[in-house]
Amino acid sequence: KIKRHIFSKKYYGLIQVTDIRKEKLGDITEEDAKREGCSSVAEFRKVWEEIHGKWDPEQEIYVIEFRLLDRKREAENI
């Protein structure tokens, strides 16, 4: 049975992309790792390897920064 409640308006949000840039995977900082939901670079690396299979510090990745918008006020101003 599919739980459709996740598609209700109660569970959505709007974001505004504030920056997109290329970086090398190995340049991730502790602060970056925390923004990704990990407690450290070591934990981020472990999660990365579980998802992608290997850690290549020279691999170029895209970093996408965003902010959550207030649904009622800011969505109209995009």
N, C-alpha and C. Protein backbone atom coordinates (compact mmCIF):
# COMPACT_ATOMS: atom_id res chain seq x y z
N LYS A 1 0.85 -1.19 0.00
CA LYS A 1 0.00 0.00 0.00
C LYS A 1 0.89 1.25 0.00
N ILE A 2 0.63 2.16 -0.88
CA ILE A 2 1.41 3.39 -0.98
C ILE A 2 0.86 4.42 0.00
N LYS A 3 1.75 5.02 0.74
CA LYS A 3 1.35 6.08 1.66
C LYS A 3 1.43 7.41 0.92
N ARG A 4 0.31 7.95 0.59
CA ARG A 4 0.26 9.16 -0.21
C ARG A 4 0.33 10.44 0.62
N HIS A 5 0.34 10.31 1.93
CA HIS A 5 0.34 11.51 2.75
C HIS A 5 1.59 12.36 2.54
N ILE A 6 2.68 11.76 2.08
CA ILE A 6 3.89 12.56 1.86
C ILE A 6 3.73 13.54 0.71
N PHE A 7 2.71 13.34 -0.12
CA PHE A 7 2.48 14.23 -1.24
C PHE A 7 1.48 15.33 -0.91
N SER A 8 1.01 15.37 0.31
CA SER A 8 0.05 16.40 0.68
C SER A 8 0.77 17.73 0.85
N LYS A 9 0.03 18.81 0.79
CA LYS A 9 0.61 20.15 0.93
C LYS A 9 1.27 20.35 2.28
N LYS A 10 0.88 19.58 3.25
CA LYS A 10 1.46 19.69 4.59
C LYS A 10 2.96 19.34 4.58
N TYR A 11 3.40 18.53 3.63
CA TYR A 11 4.77 18.02 3.64
C TYR A 11 5.67 18.60 2.56
N TYR A 12 5.28 19.66 1.92
CA TYR A 12 6.16 20.20 0.89
C TYR A 12 6.77 21.52 1.37
N GLY A 13 7.82 21.91 0.71
CA GLY A 13 8.44 23.20 0.98
C GLY A 13 9.01 23.74 -0.31
N LEU A 14 9.23 25.01 -0.35
CA LEU A 14 9.84 25.64 -1.51
C LEU A 14 11.24 26.09 -1.12
N ILE A 15 12.16 25.91 -2.05
CA ILE A 15 13.53 26.36 -1.81
C ILE A 15 13.93 27.36 -2.88
N GLN A 16 14.91 28.17 -2.54
CA GLN A 16 15.53 29.07 -3.51
C GLN A 16 17.00 28.70 -3.57
N VAL A 17 17.49 28.35 -4.75
CA VAL A 17 18.90 28.03 -4.92
C VAL A 17 19.68 29.33 -4.82
N THR A 18 20.67 29.36 -3.92
CA THR A 18 21.46 30.57 -3.70
C THR A 18 22.86 30.48 -4.29
N ASP A 19 23.33 29.25 -4.58
CA ASP A 19 24.67 29.12 -5.14
C ASP A 19 24.83 27.72 -5.73
N ILE A 20 25.52 27.64 -6.86
CA ILE A 20 25.92 26.36 -7.46
C ILE A 20 27.37 26.51 -7.86
N ARG A 21 28.20 25.55 -7.43
CA ARG A 21 29.62 25.62 -7.78
C ARG A 21 30.22 24.22 -7.83
N LYS A 22 31.35 24.10 -8.52
CA LYS A 22 32.09 22.85 -8.57
C LYS A 22 33.18 22.87 -7.51
N GLU A 23 33.36 21.73 -6.86
CA GLU A 23 34.45 21.56 -5.89
C GLU A 23 34.98 20.14 -6.02
N LYS A 24 36.17 19.92 -5.49
CA LYS A 24 36.69 18.56 -5.41
C LYS A 24 36.14 17.90 -4.15
N LEU A 25 35.77 16.64 -4.28
CA LEU A 25 35.20 15.90 -3.16
C LEU A 25 36.11 15.95 -1.94
N GLY A 26 37.40 15.87 -2.15
CA GLY A 26 38.35 15.87 -1.04
C GLY A 26 38.49 17.20 -0.33
N ASP A 27 37.88 18.26 -0.86
CA ASP A 27 37.96 19.58 -0.22
C ASP A 27 36.86 19.81 0.80
N ILE A 28 36.02 18.81 1.06
CA ILE A 28 34.92 18.99 2.00
C ILE A 28 35.47 19.30 3.40
N THR A 29 34.84 20.24 4.06
CA THR A 29 35.25 20.64 5.42
C THR A 29 34.32 20.00 6.45
N GLU A 30 34.71 20.10 7.71
CA GLU A 30 33.86 19.61 8.79
C GLU A 30 32.50 20.31 8.75
N GLU A 31 32.52 21.62 8.51
CA GLU A 31 31.27 22.39 8.43
C GLU A 31 30.39 21.90 7.28
N ASP A 32 31.02 21.64 6.13
CA ASP A 32 30.27 21.11 4.98
C ASP A 32 29.64 19.76 5.32
N ALA A 33 30.41 18.90 5.97
CA ALA A 33 29.91 17.57 6.33
C ALA A 33 28.71 17.68 7.27
N LYS A 34 28.77 18.62 8.19
CA LYS A 34 27.64 18.82 9.11
C LYS A 34 26.41 19.32 8.37
N ARG A 35 26.61 20.18 7.37
CA ARG A 35 25.48 20.65 6.56
C ARG A 35 24.83 19.51 5.78
N GLU A 36 25.63 18.48 5.50
CA GLU A 36 25.12 17.31 4.78
C GLU A 36 24.46 16.31 5.72
N GLY A 37 24.44 16.61 7.02
CA GLY A 37 23.77 15.74 7.98
C GLY A 37 24.68 14.75 8.68
N CYS A 38 25.98 14.91 8.52
CA CYS A 38 26.94 14.01 9.16
C CYS A 38 27.63 14.74 10.31
N SER A 39 28.23 13.97 11.20
CA SER A 39 28.89 14.58 12.35
C SER A 39 30.34 14.95 12.05
N SER A 40 30.90 14.41 10.96
CA SER A 40 32.31 14.67 10.64
C SER A 40 32.56 14.33 9.17
N VAL A 41 33.75 14.71 8.69
CA VAL A 41 34.14 14.35 7.33
C VAL A 41 34.27 12.84 7.22
N ALA A 42 34.79 12.19 8.27
CA ALA A 42 34.93 10.73 8.25
C ALA A 42 33.58 10.05 8.08
N GLU A 43 32.57 10.53 8.78
CA GLU A 43 31.23 9.95 8.64
C GLU A 43 30.68 10.22 7.24
N PHE A 44 30.88 11.44 6.74
CA PHE A 44 30.42 11.77 5.39
C PHE A 44 31.07 10.85 4.37
N ARG A 45 32.37 10.61 4.52
CA ARG A 45 33.08 9.73 3.59
C ARG A 45 32.50 8.31 3.63
N LYS A 46 32.20 7.83 4.83
CA LYS A 46 31.62 6.49 4.97
C LYS A 46 30.28 6.41 4.25
N VAL A 47 29.43 7.40 4.45
CA VAL A 47 28.13 7.44 3.78
C VAL A 47 28.32 7.52 2.27
N TRP A 48 29.25 8.36 1.82
CA TRP A 48 29.52 8.51 0.39
C TRP A 48 29.91 7.16 -0.21
N GLU A 49 30.81 6.45 0.47
CA GLU A 49 31.28 5.16 -0.04
C GLU A 49 30.15 4.13 -0.07
N GLU A 50 29.24 4.19 0.91
CA GLU A 50 28.10 3.27 0.91
C GLU A 50 27.18 3.53 -0.28
N ILE A 51 27.03 4.78 -0.64
CA ILE A 51 26.13 5.15 -1.75
C ILE A 51 26.81 5.01 -3.10
N HIS A 52 28.05 5.51 -3.21
CA HIS A 52 28.72 5.62 -4.51
C HIS A 52 29.82 4.59 -4.75
N GLY A 53 30.17 3.81 -3.73
CA GLY A 53 31.14 2.74 -3.92
C GLY A 53 32.59 3.09 -3.64
N LYS A 54 33.00 4.30 -3.95
CA LYS A 54 34.39 4.67 -3.67
C LYS A 54 34.50 6.16 -3.40
N TRP A 55 35.59 6.52 -2.77
CA TRP A 55 35.90 7.91 -2.43
C TRP A 55 37.09 8.32 -3.27
N ASP A 56 36.89 9.26 -4.16
CA ASP A 56 37.98 9.81 -4.98
C ASP A 56 38.09 11.28 -4.65
N PRO A 57 39.10 11.68 -3.86
CA PRO A 57 39.21 13.08 -3.45
C PRO A 57 39.37 14.06 -4.61
N GLU A 58 39.76 13.57 -5.78
CA GLU A 58 39.93 14.43 -6.95
C GLU A 58 38.65 14.56 -7.77
N GLN A 59 37.63 13.78 -7.44
CA GLN A 59 36.37 13.83 -8.18
C GLN A 59 35.72 15.19 -8.03
N GLU A 60 35.31 15.77 -9.15
CA GLU A 60 34.59 17.05 -9.11
C GLU A 60 33.12 16.78 -8.85
N ILE A 61 32.57 17.55 -7.93
CA ILE A 61 31.16 17.44 -7.58
C ILE A 61 30.54 18.83 -7.65
N TYR A 62 29.24 18.85 -7.75
CA TYR A 62 28.51 20.12 -7.70
C TYR A 62 27.98 20.33 -6.29
N VAL A 63 28.20 21.51 -5.77
CA VAL A 63 27.65 21.91 -4.48
C VAL A 63 26.50 22.86 -4.77
N ILE A 64 25.34 22.51 -4.27
CA ILE A 64 24.15 23.34 -4.48
C ILE A 64 23.68 23.83 -3.12
N GLU A 65 23.72 25.15 -2.93
CA GLU A 65 23.25 25.74 -1.68
C GLU A 65 21.87 26.33 -1.91
N PHE A 66 21.04 26.26 -0.88
CA PHE A 66 19.69 26.77 -1.00
C PHE A 66 19.19 27.22 0.36
N ARG A 67 18.08 27.92 0.31
CA ARG A 67 17.41 28.31 1.56
C ARG A 67 15.94 27.95 1.42
N LEU A 68 15.34 27.62 2.55
CA LEU A 68 13.93 27.28 2.59
C LEU A 68 13.13 28.57 2.61
N LEU A 69 12.14 28.65 1.73
CA LEU A 69 11.30 29.84 1.64
C LEU A 69 10.06 29.68 2.51
N ASP A 70 9.58 30.79 2.99
CA ASP A 70 8.28 30.82 3.66
C ASP A 70 7.24 30.59 2.58
N ARG A 71 6.48 29.55 2.70
CA ARG A 71 5.53 29.17 1.64
C ARG A 71 4.57 30.28 1.27
N LYS A 72 4.07 30.98 2.24
CA LYS A 72 3.00 31.95 1.97
C LYS A 72 3.52 33.25 1.39
N ARG A 73 4.62 33.77 1.94
CA ARG A 73 5.07 35.10 1.52
C ARG A 73 6.07 35.07 0.39
N GLU A 74 7.12 34.28 0.54
CA GLU A 74 8.23 34.37 -0.41
C GLU A 74 7.98 33.65 -1.72
N ALA A 75 7.13 32.65 -1.74
CA ALA A 75 6.88 31.90 -2.97
C ALA A 75 6.32 32.81 -4.06
N GLU A 76 5.59 33.81 -3.67
CA GLU A 76 5.01 34.73 -4.65
C GLU A 76 6.04 35.67 -5.25
N ASN A 77 7.19 35.81 -4.59
CA ASN A 77 8.22 36.76 -5.04
C ASN A 77 9.36 36.11 -5.81
N ILE A 78 9.23 34.84 -6.15
CA ILE A 78 10.32 34.15 -6.86
C ILE A 78 10.37 34.62 -8.30
